[in-house]
């Protein structure tokens, strides 16, 4: 007959793995700074705006709607299109409705 502890070992392993993943996620979220979030939006702007775009074109303001932590506005100059990105508290770029923004959803 199989020892009882051997039957519960997979359950204990799953609980331990869940605890480790939860701890890691919590630490990552707690250490996210505004600078990190702004850098993420600026990197997306650089990939979308073309070769004349600069990281210094971007500035952030506090979000005013529910679920929006920061709004990053990138304006390359007079007459050029303006890029705006809404970020949630995790630093993810979201659309105004609060959903994660895909490559085609620019706010």
C-alpha atoms as a PDB file:
ATOM      1  CA  UNK A   1       0.000   0.000   0.000  1.00  0.00           C
ATOM      2  CA  UNK A   2       1.239   3.501  -0.855  1.00  0.00           C
ATOM      3  CA  UNK A   3       2.161   5.721   2.099  1.00  0.00           C
ATOM      4  CA  UNK A   4      -0.383   8.458   2.786  1.00  0.00           C
ATOM      5  CA  UNK A   5       2.117  11.307   2.502  1.00  0.00           C
ATOM      6  CA  UNK A   6       2.953  10.178  -1.030  1.00  0.00           C
ATOM      7  CA  UNK A   7      -0.662  10.633  -2.065  1.00  0.00           C
ATOM      8  CA  UNK A   8      -0.669  14.235  -0.806  1.00  0.00           C
ATOM      9  CA  UNK A   9       2.750  15.167  -2.209  1.00  0.00           C
ATOM     10  CA  UNK A  10       1.369  16.393  -5.596  1.00  0.00           C
ATOM     11  CA  UNK A  11      -1.153  18.600  -3.808  1.00  0.00           C
ATOM     12  CA  UNK A  12       1.575  20.051  -1.595  1.00  0.00           C
ATOM     13  CA  UNK A  13       3.755  20.671  -4.665  1.00  0.00           C
ATOM     14  CA  UNK A  14       0.934  22.545  -6.425  1.00  0.00           C
ATOM     15  CA  UNK A  15       0.252  24.672  -3.344  1.00  0.00           C
ATOM     16  CA  UNK A  16       3.955  25.501  -3.021  1.00  0.00           C
ATOM     17  CA  UNK A  17       4.224  26.394  -6.732  1.00  0.00           C
ATOM     18  CA  UNK A  18       1.154  28.643  -6.450  1.00  0.00           C
ATOM     19  CA  UNK A  19       2.633  30.382  -3.425  1.00  0.00           C
ATOM     20  CA  UNK A  20       5.932  31.022  -5.215  1.00  0.00           C
ATOM     21  CA  UNK A  21       4.191  32.389  -8.324  1.00  0.00           C
ATOM     22  CA  UNK A  22       1.907  34.580  -6.209  1.00  0.00           C
ATOM     23  CA  UNK A  23       4.842  35.966  -4.261  1.00  0.00           C
ATOM     24  CA  UNK A  24       6.795  36.694  -7.425  1.00  0.00           C
ATOM     25  CA  UNK A  25       3.820  38.454  -9.019  1.00  0.00           C
ATOM     26  CA  UNK A  26       3.242  40.512  -5.893  1.00  0.00           C
ATOM     27  CA  UNK A  27       6.861  41.588  -5.679  1.00  0.00           C
ATOM     28  CA  UNK A  28       6.932  42.555  -9.365  1.00  0.00           C
ATOM     29  CA  UNK A  29       3.772  44.613  -9.015  1.00  0.00           C
ATOM     30  CA  UNK A  30       4.913  46.318  -5.830  1.00  0.00           C
ATOM     31  CA  UNK A  31       8.207  47.371  -7.423  1.00  0.00           C
ATOM     32  CA  UNK A  32       6.695  48.933 -10.566  1.00  0.00           C
ATOM     33  CA  UNK A  33       7.518  52.636 -10.599  1.00  0.00           C
ATOM     34  CA  UNK A  34       5.994  55.411 -12.672  1.00  0.00           C
ATOM     35  CA  UNK A  35       9.254  55.591 -14.597  1.00  0.00           C
ATOM     36  CA  UNK A  36       9.007  51.913 -15.560  1.00  0.00           C
ATOM     37  CA  UNK A  37       5.441  52.395 -16.803  1.00  0.00           C
ATOM     38  CA  UNK A  38       6.327  55.548 -18.760  1.00  0.00           C
ATOM     39  CA  UNK A  39       9.319  53.782 -20.328  1.00  0.00           C
ATOM     40  CA  UNK A  40       7.030  50.974 -21.505  1.00  0.00           C
ATOM     41  CA  UNK A  41       4.679  53.448 -23.216  1.00  0.00           C
ATOM     42  CA  UNK A  42       7.612  55.396 -24.689  1.00  0.00           C
ATOM     43  CA  UNK A  43       9.066  52.193 -26.149  1.00  0.00           C
ATOM     44  CA  UNK A  44       5.747  51.471 -27.826  1.00  0.00           C
ATOM     45  CA  UNK A  45       5.636  55.033 -29.152  1.00  0.00           C
ATOM     46  CA  UNK A  46       9.120  54.642 -30.633  1.00  0.00           C
ATOM     47  CA  UNK A  47       8.039  51.473 -32.436  1.00  0.00           C
ATOM     48  CA  UNK A  48       4.856  53.072 -33.802  1.00  0.00           C
ATOM     49  CA  UNK A  49       5.910  56.628 -34.636  1.00  0.00           C
ATOM     50  CA  UNK A  50       8.824  55.983 -36.938  1.00  0.00           C
ATOM     51  CA  UNK A  51      12.472  56.984 -37.182  1.00  0.00           C
ATOM     52  CA  UNK A  52      12.046  60.641 -36.153  1.00  0.00           C
ATOM     53  CA  UNK A  53      10.469  59.754 -32.804  1.00  0.00           C
ATOM     54  CA  UNK A  54      12.415  60.406 -29.610  1.00  0.00           C
ATOM     55  CA  UNK A  55      11.863  59.132 -26.119  1.00  0.00           C
ATOM     56  CA  UNK A  56      11.858  62.737 -24.889  1.00  0.00           C
ATOM     57  CA  UNK A  57       8.679  63.433 -26.896  1.00  0.00           C
ATOM     58  CA  UNK A  58       6.705  61.712 -24.118  1.00  0.00           C
ATOM     59  CA  UNK A  59       5.382  63.032 -20.819  1.00  0.00           C
ATOM     60  CA  UNK A  60       2.925  61.548 -18.320  1.00  0.00           C
ATOM     61  CA  UNK A  61       0.007  62.972 -16.389  1.00  0.00           C
ATOM     62  CA  UNK A  62      -2.170  61.243 -13.767  1.00  0.00           C
ATOM     63  CA  UNK A  63      -5.133  59.318 -15.142  1.00  0.00           C
ATOM     64  CA  UNK A  64      -8.562  60.781 -14.489  1.00  0.00           C
ATOM     65  CA  UNK A  65     -10.845  57.876 -15.352  1.00  0.00           C
ATOM     66  CA  UNK A  66     -11.449  54.664 -13.443  1.00  0.00           C
ATOM     67  CA  UNK A  67      -8.691  52.109 -13.919  1.00  0.00           C
ATOM     68  CA  UNK A  68      -6.264  54.548 -15.549  1.00  0.00           C
ATOM     69  CA  UNK A  69      -3.162  55.192 -13.435  1.00  0.00           C
ATOM     70  CA  UNK A  70      -1.159  57.267 -15.906  1.00  0.00           C
ATOM     71  CA  UNK A  71      -1.774  58.811 -19.295  1.00  0.00           C
ATOM     72  CA  UNK A  72       1.377  59.109 -21.398  1.00  0.00           C
ATOM     73  CA  UNK A  73       1.217  61.725 -24.158  1.00  0.00           C
ATOM     74  CA  UNK A  74       3.852  61.678 -26.894  1.00  0.00           C
ATOM     75  CA  UNK A  75       3.883  64.699 -29.177  1.00  0.00           C
ATOM     76  CA  UNK A  76       6.800  64.850 -31.628  1.00  0.00           C
ATOM     77  CA  UNK A  77       6.216  68.452 -32.719  1.00  0.00           C
ATOM     78  CA  UNK A  78       3.886  70.927 -34.360  1.00  0.00           C
ATOM     79  CA  UNK A  79       1.707  69.394 -37.044  1.00  0.00           C
ATOM     80  CA  UNK A  80       2.713  65.819 -36.211  1.00  0.00           C
ATOM     81  CA  UNK A  81       0.168  63.316 -34.891  1.00  0.00           C
ATOM     82  CA  UNK A  82      -0.064  62.970 -31.140  1.00  0.00           C
ATOM     83  CA  UNK A  83       0.117  59.551 -29.488  1.00  0.00           C
ATOM     84  CA  UNK A  84      -1.654  58.917 -26.178  1.00  0.00           C
ATOM     85  CA  UNK A  85      -1.434  55.796 -24.042  1.00  0.00           C
ATOM     86  CA  UNK A  86      -3.510  54.994 -20.968  1.00  0.00           C
ATOM     87  CA  UNK A  87      -1.744  52.766 -18.420  1.00  0.00           C
ATOM     88  CA  UNK A  88      -3.244  50.752 -15.586  1.00  0.00           C
ATOM     89  CA  UNK A  89      -1.578  50.187 -12.201  1.00  0.00           C
ATOM     90  CA  UNK A  90       0.282  47.149 -13.564  1.00  0.00           C
ATOM     91  CA  UNK A  91       1.880  49.334 -16.246  1.00  0.00           C
ATOM     92  CA  UNK A  92      -0.119  47.683 -19.036  1.00  0.00           C
ATOM     93  CA  UNK A  93      -1.319  49.873 -21.879  1.00  0.00           C
ATOM     94  CA  UNK A  94      -5.128  49.848 -21.943  1.00  0.00           C
ATOM     95  CA  UNK A  95      -7.762  51.419 -24.135  1.00  0.00           C
ATOM     96  CA  UNK A  96     -10.227  53.950 -22.688  1.00  0.00           C
ATOM     97  CA  UNK A  97     -12.744  51.179 -21.960  1.00  0.00           C
ATOM     98  CA  UNK A  98     -10.291  49.506 -19.574  1.00  0.00           C
ATOM     99  CA  UNK A  99      -9.412  46.544 -21.806  1.00  0.00           C
ATOM    100  CA  UNK A 100      -5.855  45.620 -22.660  1.00  0.00           C
ATOM    101  CA  UNK A 101      -4.906  47.432 -25.862  1.00  0.00           C
ATOM    102  CA  UNK A 102      -3.679  45.427 -28.791  1.00  0.00           C
ATOM    103  CA  UNK A 103      -1.348  46.770 -31.477  1.00  0.00           C
ATOM    104  CA  UNK A 104      -4.283  48.160 -33.414  1.00  0.00           C
ATOM    105  CA  UNK A 105      -5.789  50.011 -30.412  1.00  0.00           C
ATOM    106  CA  UNK A 106      -4.049  53.307 -29.966  1.00  0.00           C
ATOM    107  CA  UNK A 107      -5.697  55.684 -27.520  1.00  0.00           C
END
